């Protein structure tokens, strides 16, 4: 457009501002999209596989993350929950800010499984089976695989995997960049 405006003699050169401004806006939008896409992260994956042995159930947990930077870590946490949980929604004695009810299942898995710290909120109702921290390879990949027996009194097994880069003053990863969650109800497996 600038070349056309310059070539046509009867158009005032002040109109050159229009294509230059459009180019600036386009470059600004492209930079914003590029910066925003750089913040977008691929979700890590978590897979739980249960196998039956003569002495009980065995769990194999596989987690994988990609696109990690050198300062980032993949944390994998696998927890056995020992108490049966109500599926129906129940009112929480400490309701959420929006006033909506929360389910007991969500509360327990939120306290026990969805934590980036290597310790349990309530050790009486759950047991930590595995907590690992892995860094990236030169290609930005991270993977972990663990096989472990499931306690015979467990009702659920849940796993949480996060990508994080920030440690707080206690050394815990408190700000997940991306996360994923998996849970297995063991009730059907115990009877079959």
N, C-alpha and C. Protein backbone atom coordinates (compact mmCIF):
# COMPACT_ATOMS: atom_id res chain seq x y z
N UNK A 1 0.82 -1.19 0.00
CA UNK A 1 0.00 0.00 0.00
C UNK A 1 0.87 1.26 0.00
N UNK A 2 1.96 1.21 0.77
CA UNK A 2 2.84 2.39 0.83
C UNK A 2 3.44 2.67 -0.54
N UNK A 3 3.80 1.63 -1.29
CA UNK A 3 4.38 1.82 -2.62
C UNK A 3 3.35 2.41 -3.58
N UNK A 4 2.11 1.96 -3.46
CA UNK A 4 1.07 2.50 -4.35
C UNK A 4 0.81 3.96 -4.02
N UNK A 5 0.72 4.29 -2.73
CA UNK A 5 0.48 5.69 -2.34
C UNK A 5 1.62 6.58 -2.80
N UNK A 6 2.86 6.09 -2.71
CA UNK A 6 4.02 6.88 -3.14
C UNK A 6 4.03 7.02 -4.66
N UNK A 7 3.61 5.97 -5.39
CA UNK A 7 3.65 6.02 -6.86
C UNK A 7 2.59 6.96 -7.44
N UNK A 8 1.45 7.06 -6.79
CA UNK A 8 0.39 7.95 -7.29
C UNK A 8 0.66 9.35 -6.73
N UNK A 9 0.99 10.24 -7.61
CA UNK A 9 1.46 11.56 -7.22
C UNK A 9 0.37 12.42 -6.59
N UNK A 10 -0.87 12.26 -6.97
CA UNK A 10 -1.91 13.16 -6.49
C UNK A 10 -2.40 12.81 -5.08
N UNK A 11 -1.97 11.60 -4.50
CA UNK A 11 -2.36 11.25 -3.13
C UNK A 11 -1.34 11.89 -2.17
N UNK A 12 -1.86 12.51 -1.14
CA UNK A 12 -1.02 13.18 -0.16
C UNK A 12 -0.17 12.15 0.59
N UNK A 13 1.10 12.46 0.82
CA UNK A 13 2.02 11.53 1.50
C UNK A 13 1.65 11.28 2.95
N UNK A 14 0.76 12.08 3.51
CA UNK A 14 0.31 11.84 4.89
C UNK A 14 -0.43 10.49 5.00
N UNK A 15 -0.96 10.01 3.89
CA UNK A 15 -1.67 8.72 3.90
C UNK A 15 -0.70 7.54 4.09
N UNK A 16 0.59 7.78 4.04
CA UNK A 16 1.57 6.71 4.30
C UNK A 16 1.46 6.19 5.74
N UNK A 17 0.91 7.00 6.60
CA UNK A 17 0.75 6.60 8.01
C UNK A 17 -0.17 5.37 8.13
N UNK A 18 -1.18 5.28 7.28
CA UNK A 18 -2.16 4.19 7.36
C UNK A 18 -1.49 2.82 7.17
N UNK A 19 -0.76 2.57 6.09
CA UNK A 19 -0.14 1.24 5.96
C UNK A 19 0.92 0.97 7.02
N UNK A 20 1.65 2.00 7.43
CA UNK A 20 2.66 1.81 8.47
C UNK A 20 1.99 1.45 9.79
N UNK A 21 0.86 2.11 10.12
CA UNK A 21 0.13 1.79 11.34
C UNK A 21 -0.45 0.37 11.27
N UNK A 22 -0.98 -0.01 10.10
CA UNK A 22 -1.51 -1.36 9.94
C UNK A 22 -0.41 -2.41 10.10
N UNK A 23 0.76 -2.13 9.57
CA UNK A 23 1.88 -3.05 9.73
C UNK A 23 2.27 -3.17 11.20
N UNK A 24 2.29 -2.06 11.91
CA UNK A 24 2.62 -2.09 13.34
C UNK A 24 1.61 -2.87 14.14
N UNK A 25 0.32 -2.68 13.85
CA UNK A 25 -0.72 -3.43 14.55
C UNK A 25 -0.60 -4.92 14.26
N UNK A 26 -0.37 -5.26 13.00
CA UNK A 26 -0.21 -6.68 12.62
C UNK A 26 0.97 -7.31 13.32
N UNK A 27 2.09 -6.62 13.37
CA UNK A 27 3.28 -7.16 14.06
C UNK A 27 3.03 -7.29 15.55
N UNK A 28 2.32 -6.33 16.14
CA UNK A 28 1.98 -6.41 17.57
C UNK A 28 1.09 -7.60 17.87
N UNK A 29 0.07 -7.83 17.05
CA UNK A 29 -0.81 -8.99 17.23
C UNK A 29 -0.03 -10.30 17.06
N UNK A 30 0.85 -10.36 16.08
CA UNK A 30 1.65 -11.57 15.87
C UNK A 30 2.55 -11.84 17.07
N UNK A 31 3.13 -10.80 17.64
CA UNK A 31 3.98 -10.98 18.82
C UNK A 31 3.17 -11.45 20.01
N UNK A 32 1.96 -10.91 20.16
CA UNK A 32 1.09 -11.34 21.26
C UNK A 32 0.69 -12.81 21.11
N UNK A 33 0.32 -13.22 19.91
CA UNK A 33 -0.06 -14.62 19.66
C UNK A 33 1.13 -15.54 19.90
N UNK A 34 2.31 -15.13 19.47
CA UNK A 34 3.51 -15.95 19.68
C UNK A 34 3.83 -16.09 21.16
N UNK A 35 3.72 -15.01 21.92
CA UNK A 35 3.99 -15.07 23.36
C UNK A 35 2.94 -15.91 24.07
N UNK A 36 1.69 -15.78 23.67
CA UNK A 36 0.62 -16.55 24.30
C UNK A 36 0.77 -18.04 24.00
N UNK A 37 1.14 -18.39 22.78
CA UNK A 37 1.32 -19.81 22.44
C UNK A 37 2.53 -20.40 23.16
N UNK A 38 3.50 -19.57 23.50
CA UNK A 38 4.67 -20.06 24.24
C UNK A 38 4.29 -20.44 25.67
N UNK A 39 3.27 -19.74 26.23
CA UNK A 39 2.80 -20.06 27.58
C UNK A 39 1.94 -21.32 27.60
N UNK A 40 1.29 -21.64 26.49
CA UNK A 40 0.45 -22.83 26.43
C UNK A 40 1.33 -24.07 26.57
N UNK A 41 0.90 -24.99 27.42
CA UNK A 41 1.69 -26.19 27.66
C UNK A 41 0.87 -27.42 27.35
N UNK A 42 1.55 -28.43 26.85
CA UNK A 42 0.90 -29.72 26.64
C UNK A 42 0.69 -30.38 27.99
N UNK A 43 -0.47 -30.95 28.19
CA UNK A 43 -0.80 -31.60 29.46
C UNK A 43 0.07 -32.85 29.62
N UNK A 44 0.61 -33.09 30.80
CA UNK A 44 1.30 -34.35 31.02
C UNK A 44 0.29 -35.49 31.03
N UNK A 45 0.75 -36.71 30.81
CA UNK A 45 -0.17 -37.85 30.80
C UNK A 45 0.13 -38.76 31.98
N UNK A 46 -0.93 -39.42 32.46
CA UNK A 46 -0.79 -40.40 33.54
C UNK A 46 -1.68 -41.59 33.19
N UNK A 47 -1.12 -42.80 33.31
CA UNK A 47 -1.85 -44.02 33.03
C UNK A 47 -1.69 -44.96 34.20
N UNK A 48 -2.81 -45.50 34.70
CA UNK A 48 -2.79 -46.47 35.78
C UNK A 48 -3.28 -47.81 35.23
N UNK A 49 -2.50 -48.86 35.47
CA UNK A 49 -2.87 -50.20 35.03
C UNK A 49 -2.86 -51.11 36.25
N UNK A 50 -3.97 -51.85 36.45
CA UNK A 50 -4.09 -52.76 37.58
C UNK A 50 -3.97 -54.19 37.06
N UNK A 51 -3.17 -54.99 37.73
CA UNK A 51 -3.07 -56.41 37.39
C UNK A 51 -3.28 -57.23 38.66
N UNK A 52 -3.82 -58.41 38.47
CA UNK A 52 -4.11 -59.28 39.60
C UNK A 52 -3.01 -60.33 39.72
N UNK A 53 -2.53 -60.52 40.94
CA UNK A 53 -1.55 -61.56 41.24
C UNK A 53 -2.14 -62.43 42.34
N UNK A 54 -1.47 -63.53 42.68
CA UNK A 54 -1.97 -64.42 43.73
C UNK A 54 -2.06 -63.72 45.08
N UNK A 55 -1.14 -62.78 45.31
CA UNK A 55 -1.10 -62.11 46.61
C UNK A 55 -1.84 -60.77 46.63
N UNK A 56 -2.61 -60.44 45.58
CA UNK A 56 -3.37 -59.20 45.57
C UNK A 56 -3.24 -58.45 44.26
N UNK A 57 -3.57 -57.17 44.32
CA UNK A 57 -3.53 -56.31 43.13
C UNK A 57 -2.22 -55.55 43.06
N UNK A 58 -1.75 -55.38 41.83
CA UNK A 58 -0.52 -54.62 41.58
C UNK A 58 -0.86 -53.47 40.65
N UNK A 59 -0.30 -52.33 40.95
CA UNK A 59 -0.53 -51.12 40.15
C UNK A 59 0.74 -50.75 39.42
N UNK A 60 0.58 -50.42 38.15
CA UNK A 60 1.67 -49.83 37.37
C UNK A 60 1.22 -48.44 36.95
N UNK A 61 1.98 -47.44 37.37
CA UNK A 61 1.68 -46.06 37.02
C UNK A 61 2.74 -45.53 36.08
N UNK A 62 2.30 -44.96 34.95
CA UNK A 62 3.22 -44.39 33.97
C UNK A 62 2.84 -42.94 33.75
N UNK A 63 3.82 -42.06 33.88
CA UNK A 63 3.58 -40.64 33.63
C UNK A 63 4.59 -40.14 32.61
N UNK A 64 4.16 -39.18 31.81
CA UNK A 64 5.02 -38.64 30.76
C UNK A 64 4.70 -37.17 30.58
N UNK A 65 5.76 -36.39 30.43
CA UNK A 65 5.61 -34.96 30.15
C UNK A 65 6.53 -34.57 29.02
N UNK A 66 6.13 -33.58 28.24
CA UNK A 66 6.98 -33.12 27.15
C UNK A 66 7.02 -31.61 27.14
N UNK A 67 8.01 -31.09 26.45
CA UNK A 67 8.15 -29.64 26.35
C UNK A 67 8.65 -28.98 27.62
N UNK A 68 9.35 -29.74 28.49
CA UNK A 68 9.86 -29.17 29.74
C UNK A 68 11.11 -28.35 29.47
N UNK A 69 11.24 -27.27 30.20
CA UNK A 69 12.47 -26.47 30.15
C UNK A 69 13.45 -27.05 31.17
N UNK A 70 14.67 -26.60 31.13
CA UNK A 70 15.71 -27.20 31.98
C UNK A 70 15.44 -26.98 33.47
N UNK A 71 14.73 -25.93 33.85
CA UNK A 71 14.47 -25.66 35.27
C UNK A 71 13.15 -26.27 35.75
N UNK A 72 12.42 -26.96 34.89
CA UNK A 72 11.13 -27.51 35.26
C UNK A 72 11.24 -28.98 35.67
N UNK A 73 10.28 -29.42 36.45
CA UNK A 73 10.25 -30.79 36.94
C UNK A 73 8.87 -31.38 36.72
N UNK A 74 8.84 -32.69 36.54
CA UNK A 74 7.57 -33.42 36.50
C UNK A 74 7.45 -34.16 37.81
N UNK A 75 6.35 -33.93 38.51
CA UNK A 75 6.10 -34.59 39.79
C UNK A 75 4.95 -35.58 39.61
N UNK A 76 5.14 -36.81 40.09
CA UNK A 76 4.11 -37.83 40.00
C UNK A 76 3.81 -38.31 41.41
N UNK A 77 2.53 -38.32 41.77
CA UNK A 77 2.10 -38.70 43.11
C UNK A 77 1.01 -39.75 42.97
N UNK A 78 1.19 -40.91 43.63
CA UNK A 78 0.20 -41.99 43.61
C UNK A 78 -0.20 -42.29 45.04
N UNK A 79 -1.53 -42.27 45.29
CA UNK A 79 -2.05 -42.40 46.65
C UNK A 79 -3.14 -43.46 46.68
N UNK A 80 -3.13 -44.28 47.75
CA UNK A 80 -4.22 -45.22 48.02
C UNK A 80 -5.13 -44.59 49.07
N UNK A 81 -6.44 -44.60 48.80
CA UNK A 81 -7.43 -44.04 49.74
C UNK A 81 -8.17 -45.20 50.38
N UNK A 82 -8.24 -45.19 51.72
CA UNK A 82 -8.74 -46.34 52.46
C UNK A 82 -10.21 -46.27 52.85
N UNK A 83 -10.86 -45.15 52.68
CA UNK A 83 -12.25 -45.10 53.11
C UNK A 83 -13.17 -44.99 51.90
N UNK A 84 -14.35 -45.63 51.98
CA UNK A 84 -15.30 -45.47 50.88
C UNK A 84 -15.81 -44.04 50.88
N UNK A 85 -16.09 -43.54 49.71
CA UNK A 85 -16.51 -42.15 49.58
C UNK A 85 -17.92 -42.08 49.01
N UNK A 86 -18.67 -41.10 49.47
CA UNK A 86 -20.02 -40.91 48.95
C UNK A 86 -19.94 -40.29 47.57
N UNK A 87 -20.75 -40.82 46.68
CA UNK A 87 -20.77 -40.28 45.32
C UNK A 87 -21.70 -39.08 45.24
N UNK A 88 -22.78 -39.10 46.04
CA UNK A 88 -23.75 -38.00 46.01
C UNK A 88 -23.11 -36.71 46.53
N UNK A 89 -23.58 -35.60 46.01
CA UNK A 89 -23.08 -34.31 46.47
C UNK A 89 -23.55 -34.08 47.91
N UNK A 90 -22.65 -33.59 48.75
CA UNK A 90 -22.98 -33.27 50.13
C UNK A 90 -22.54 -31.85 50.42
N UNK A 91 -23.27 -31.18 51.29
CA UNK A 91 -22.88 -29.82 51.64
C UNK A 91 -21.64 -29.86 52.53
N UNK A 92 -20.71 -29.03 52.20
CA UNK A 92 -19.46 -28.93 52.94
C UNK A 92 -19.68 -27.98 54.12
N UNK A 93 -19.19 -28.33 55.34
CA UNK A 93 -19.34 -27.39 56.46
C UNK A 93 -18.63 -26.07 56.21
N UNK A 94 -17.67 -26.06 55.34
CA UNK A 94 -16.98 -24.83 54.95
C UNK A 94 -17.22 -24.65 53.46
N UNK A 95 -18.37 -24.07 53.06
CA UNK A 95 -18.72 -24.01 51.64
C UNK A 95 -17.72 -23.20 50.83
N UNK A 96 -17.69 -23.50 49.56
CA UNK A 96 -16.82 -22.77 48.65
C UNK A 96 -17.30 -21.34 48.51
N UNK A 97 -16.47 -20.50 47.97
CA UNK A 97 -16.79 -19.08 47.83
C UNK A 97 -18.04 -18.87 46.99
N UNK A 98 -18.27 -19.74 45.99
CA UNK A 98 -19.45 -19.56 45.15
C UNK A 98 -20.71 -20.17 45.75
N UNK A 99 -20.60 -20.80 46.95
CA UNK A 99 -21.76 -21.34 47.64
C UNK A 99 -22.24 -22.68 47.13
N UNK A 100 -21.60 -23.22 46.10
CA UNK A 100 -22.03 -24.51 45.54
C UNK A 100 -21.57 -25.65 46.45
N UNK A 101 -22.33 -26.77 46.48
CA UNK A 101 -21.90 -27.90 47.30
C UNK A 101 -20.69 -28.59 46.67
N UNK A 102 -19.95 -29.28 47.49
CA UNK A 102 -18.81 -30.05 47.00
C UNK A 102 -19.04 -31.51 47.33
N UNK A 103 -18.48 -32.40 46.54
CA UNK A 103 -18.65 -33.81 46.83
C UNK A 103 -17.52 -34.27 47.75
N UNK A 104 -17.83 -35.27 48.54
CA UNK A 104 -16.82 -35.83 49.44
C UNK A 104 -15.68 -36.41 48.62
N UNK A 105 -16.01 -37.01 47.50
CA UNK A 105 -14.98 -37.58 46.63
C UNK A 105 -14.02 -36.49 46.16
N UNK A 106 -14.55 -35.36 45.75
CA UNK A 106 -13.69 -34.25 45.29
C UNK A 106 -12.84 -33.72 46.44
N UNK A 107 -13.43 -33.59 47.63
CA UNK A 107 -12.68 -33.07 48.76
C UNK A 107 -11.51 -33.98 49.13
N UNK A 108 -11.76 -35.28 49.21
CA UNK A 108 -10.70 -36.21 49.62
C UNK A 108 -9.62 -36.30 48.56
N UNK A 109 -10.02 -36.43 47.30
CA UNK A 109 -8.98 -36.51 46.27
C UNK A 109 -8.24 -35.19 46.16
N UNK A 110 -8.93 -34.08 46.42
CA UNK A 110 -8.24 -32.80 46.39
C UNK A 110 -7.22 -32.67 47.51
N UNK A 111 -7.56 -33.17 48.69
CA UNK A 111 -6.63 -33.11 49.83
C UNK A 111 -5.50 -34.11 49.68
N UNK A 112 -5.82 -35.31 49.24
CA UNK A 112 -4.83 -36.39 49.27
C UNK A 112 -4.05 -36.54 47.97
N UNK A 113 -4.73 -36.44 46.84
CA UNK A 113 -4.06 -36.72 45.57
C UNK A 113 -3.54 -35.48 44.87
N UNK A 114 -4.33 -34.44 44.85
CA UNK A 114 -3.97 -33.27 44.06
C UNK A 114 -3.12 -32.30 44.87
N UNK A 115 -2.02 -32.77 45.33
CA UNK A 115 -1.10 -31.94 46.11
C UNK A 115 0.29 -32.06 45.51
N UNK A 116 0.98 -30.95 45.30
CA UNK A 116 2.34 -31.04 44.79
C UNK A 116 3.37 -31.31 45.88
N UNK A 117 2.92 -31.48 47.13
CA UNK A 117 3.84 -31.72 48.23
C UNK A 117 4.02 -33.23 48.43
N UNK A 118 5.16 -33.65 48.97
CA UNK A 118 5.42 -35.08 49.16
C UNK A 118 4.83 -35.66 50.44
N UNK A 119 3.85 -35.00 51.03
CA UNK A 119 3.26 -35.52 52.27
C UNK A 119 1.74 -35.44 52.15
N UNK A 120 1.04 -36.23 52.96
CA UNK A 120 -0.41 -36.30 52.92
C UNK A 120 -1.03 -35.27 53.86
N UNK A 121 -2.23 -34.81 53.51
CA UNK A 121 -2.95 -33.90 54.39
C UNK A 121 -3.55 -34.66 55.57
N UNK A 122 -4.01 -35.89 55.32
CA UNK A 122 -4.64 -36.70 56.37
C UNK A 122 -4.15 -38.14 56.24
N UNK A 123 -3.06 -38.51 56.90
CA UNK A 123 -2.50 -39.86 56.76
C UNK A 123 -3.41 -40.98 57.27
N UNK A 124 -4.46 -40.65 58.03
CA UNK A 124 -5.33 -41.70 58.56
C UNK A 124 -6.26 -42.27 57.48
N UNK A 125 -6.53 -41.52 56.42
CA UNK A 125 -7.45 -42.02 55.40
C UNK A 125 -6.76 -42.38 54.09
N UNK A 126 -5.45 -42.22 54.00
CA UNK A 126 -4.75 -42.50 52.75
C UNK A 126 -3.30 -42.86 53.02
N UNK A 127 -2.69 -43.47 52.01
CA UNK A 127 -1.26 -43.79 52.11
C UNK A 127 -0.59 -43.43 50.80
N UNK A 128 0.52 -42.73 50.91
CA UNK A 128 1.29 -42.35 49.74
C UNK A 128 2.03 -43.58 49.24
N UNK A 129 1.74 -43.99 48.01
CA UNK A 129 2.40 -45.16 47.43
C UNK A 129 3.66 -44.77 46.67
N UNK A 130 3.63 -43.61 46.03
CA UNK A 130 4.78 -43.16 45.25
C UNK A 130 4.74 -41.66 45.09
N UNK A 131 5.89 -41.02 45.18
CA UNK A 131 6.04 -39.60 44.90
C UNK A 131 7.40 -39.44 44.26
N UNK A 132 7.42 -39.05 43.00
CA UNK A 132 8.70 -38.93 42.29
C UNK A 132 8.80 -37.56 41.64
N UNK A 133 10.02 -37.14 41.50
CA UNK A 133 10.34 -35.89 40.82
C UNK A 133 11.37 -36.22 39.75
N UNK A 134 11.03 -35.92 38.51
CA UNK A 134 11.97 -36.18 37.42
C UNK A 134 12.18 -34.91 36.63
N UNK A 135 13.39 -34.75 36.16
CA UNK A 135 13.73 -33.60 35.33
C UNK A 135 13.69 -33.98 33.87
N UNK A 136 13.85 -33.00 33.00
CA UNK A 136 13.76 -33.27 31.57
C UNK A 136 15.06 -33.81 30.98
N UNK A 137 14.91 -34.55 29.88
CA UNK A 137 16.06 -34.94 29.08
C UNK A 137 16.48 -33.73 28.24
N UNK A 138 17.52 -33.89 27.43
CA UNK A 138 17.96 -32.78 26.57
C UNK A 138 16.86 -32.37 25.60
N UNK A 139 15.97 -33.29 25.25
CA UNK A 139 14.86 -32.98 24.35
C UNK A 139 13.62 -32.45 25.04
N UNK A 140 13.68 -32.22 26.36
CA UNK A 140 12.55 -31.68 27.09
C UNK A 140 11.51 -32.72 27.50
N UNK A 141 11.85 -33.99 27.42
CA UNK A 141 10.92 -35.06 27.78
C UNK A 141 11.20 -35.54 29.21
N UNK A 142 10.16 -36.01 29.87
CA UNK A 142 10.31 -36.60 31.20
C UNK A 142 9.34 -37.76 31.30
N UNK A 143 9.79 -38.87 31.89
CA UNK A 143 8.94 -40.04 32.02
C UNK A 143 9.27 -40.76 33.33
N UNK A 144 8.25 -41.38 33.91
CA UNK A 144 8.43 -42.17 35.12
C UNK A 144 7.49 -43.36 35.05
N UNK A 145 7.95 -44.50 35.55
CA UNK A 145 7.11 -45.69 35.62
C UNK A 145 7.39 -46.40 36.93
N UNK A 146 6.32 -46.78 37.62
CA UNK A 146 6.44 -47.44 38.92
C UNK A 146 5.46 -48.59 39.00
N UNK A 147 5.90 -49.68 39.56
CA UNK A 147 5.03 -50.82 39.82
C UNK A 147 5.06 -51.08 41.31
N UNK A 148 3.85 -51.23 41.90
CA UNK A 148 3.78 -51.37 43.36
C UNK A 148 2.55 -52.18 43.74
N UNK A 149 2.59 -52.87 44.88
CA UNK A 149 1.39 -53.56 45.36
C UNK A 149 0.39 -52.54 45.90
N UNK A 150 -0.88 -52.86 45.74
CA UNK A 150 -1.95 -52.01 46.28
C UNK A 150 -2.36 -52.58 47.63
N UNK A 151 -2.42 -51.77 48.67
CA UNK A 151 -2.86 -52.28 49.97
C UNK A 151 -4.25 -52.92 49.85
N UNK A 152 -4.46 -54.08 50.48
CA UNK A 152 -5.74 -54.79 50.31
C UNK A 152 -6.95 -54.03 50.82
N UNK A 153 -6.78 -53.09 51.72
CA UNK A 153 -7.93 -52.35 52.27
C UNK A 153 -8.21 -51.05 51.51
N UNK A 154 -7.50 -50.79 50.43
CA UNK A 154 -7.70 -49.55 49.67
C UNK A 154 -9.00 -49.62 48.88
N UNK A 155 -9.73 -48.51 48.86
CA UNK A 155 -10.96 -48.39 48.07
C UNK A 155 -10.70 -47.73 46.72
N UNK A 156 -9.74 -46.81 46.68
CA UNK A 156 -9.40 -46.08 45.47
C UNK A 156 -7.89 -45.94 45.37
N UNK A 157 -7.42 -45.79 44.14
CA UNK A 157 -6.04 -45.38 43.90
C UNK A 157 -6.13 -44.18 42.97
N UNK A 158 -5.45 -43.11 43.33
CA UNK A 158 -5.46 -41.93 42.47
C UNK A 158 -4.03 -41.49 42.21
N UNK A 159 -3.86 -40.85 41.07
CA UNK A 159 -2.54 -40.37 40.68
C UNK A 159 -2.66 -38.96 40.14
N UNK A 160 -1.66 -38.17 40.41
CA UNK A 160 -1.63 -36.76 40.02
C UNK A 160 -0.25 -36.48 39.46
N UNK A 161 -0.18 -35.89 38.30
CA UNK A 161 1.10 -35.52 37.70
C UNK A 161 1.05 -34.04 37.36
N UNK A 162 2.11 -33.32 37.72
CA UNK A 162 2.18 -31.89 37.41
C UNK A 162 3.54 -31.55 36.82
N UNK A 163 3.54 -30.48 36.06
CA UNK A 163 4.78 -29.85 35.61
C UNK A 163 4.88 -28.55 36.39
N UNK A 164 6.04 -28.29 36.98
CA UNK A 164 6.20 -27.09 37.79
C UNK A 164 7.63 -26.60 37.73
N UNK A 165 7.80 -25.31 38.04
CA UNK A 165 9.14 -24.73 38.05
C UNK A 165 9.42 -23.88 39.28
N UNK A 166 8.44 -23.71 40.15
CA UNK A 166 8.60 -22.80 41.28
C UNK A 166 8.52 -23.58 42.59
N UNK A 167 9.53 -23.45 43.43
CA UNK A 167 9.51 -24.04 44.76
C UNK A 167 9.25 -22.94 45.78
N UNK A 168 8.43 -23.25 46.79
CA UNK A 168 8.20 -22.27 47.84
C UNK A 168 9.27 -22.41 48.92
N UNK A 169 9.11 -21.69 50.03
CA UNK A 169 10.14 -21.68 51.08
C UNK A 169 10.32 -23.04 51.75
N UNK A 170 9.29 -23.93 51.66
CA UNK A 170 9.42 -25.28 52.22
C UNK A 170 10.01 -26.27 51.23
N UNK A 171 10.31 -25.82 50.02
CA UNK A 171 10.85 -26.71 49.00
C UNK A 171 9.77 -27.43 48.22
N UNK A 172 8.49 -27.07 48.43
CA UNK A 172 7.39 -27.70 47.72
C UNK A 172 7.12 -26.95 46.42
N UNK A 173 6.65 -27.69 45.42
CA UNK A 173 6.26 -27.08 44.16
C UNK A 173 4.82 -26.59 44.31
N UNK A 174 4.65 -25.29 44.43
CA UNK A 174 3.34 -24.75 44.76
C UNK A 174 2.58 -24.17 43.57
N UNK A 175 3.20 -24.09 42.42
CA UNK A 175 2.51 -23.51 41.26
C UNK A 175 2.64 -24.42 40.05
N UNK A 176 1.66 -25.31 39.86
CA UNK A 176 1.71 -26.18 38.68
C UNK A 176 1.55 -25.39 37.38
N UNK A 177 2.32 -25.74 36.38
CA UNK A 177 2.20 -25.15 35.05
C UNK A 177 1.11 -25.90 34.28
N UNK A 178 1.13 -27.22 34.39
CA UNK A 178 0.15 -28.08 33.74
C UNK A 178 -0.01 -29.31 34.62
N UNK A 179 -1.19 -29.92 34.61
CA UNK A 179 -1.40 -31.08 35.45
C UNK A 179 -2.41 -32.03 34.83
N UNK A 180 -2.43 -33.26 35.36
CA UNK A 180 -3.40 -34.26 34.93
C UNK A 180 -3.67 -35.18 36.11
N UNK A 181 -4.78 -35.89 36.07
CA UNK A 181 -5.24 -36.66 37.22
C UNK A 181 -5.90 -37.95 36.71
N UNK A 182 -5.70 -39.05 37.45
CA UNK A 182 -6.36 -40.31 37.13
C UNK A 182 -6.76 -40.99 38.44
N UNK A 183 -7.88 -41.73 38.39
CA UNK A 183 -8.35 -42.40 39.59
C UNK A 183 -8.98 -43.73 39.21
N UNK A 184 -8.76 -44.75 40.06
CA UNK A 184 -9.33 -46.08 39.84
C UNK A 184 -10.13 -46.47 41.07
N UNK A 185 -11.39 -46.88 40.85
CA UNK A 185 -12.25 -47.40 41.91
C UNK A 185 -11.98 -48.89 42.00
N UNK A 186 -11.48 -49.36 43.14
CA UNK A 186 -11.07 -50.74 43.29
C UNK A 186 -12.22 -51.67 43.69
N UNK A 187 -13.42 -51.15 43.93
CA UNK A 187 -14.53 -51.97 44.39
C UNK A 187 -14.88 -53.06 43.39
N UNK A 188 -14.94 -52.74 42.12
CA UNK A 188 -15.27 -53.73 41.10
C UNK A 188 -14.18 -54.77 40.95
N UNK A 189 -12.93 -54.38 41.13
CA UNK A 189 -11.82 -55.31 40.97
C UNK A 189 -11.75 -56.31 42.13
N UNK A 190 -12.14 -55.88 43.32
CA UNK A 190 -12.05 -56.75 44.48
C UNK A 190 -13.05 -57.90 44.40
N UNK A 191 -14.20 -57.69 43.75
CA UNK A 191 -15.23 -58.73 43.69
C UNK A 191 -15.09 -59.63 42.47
N UNK A 192 -14.36 -59.21 41.47
CA UNK A 192 -14.28 -60.03 40.24
C UNK A 192 -13.09 -60.98 40.29
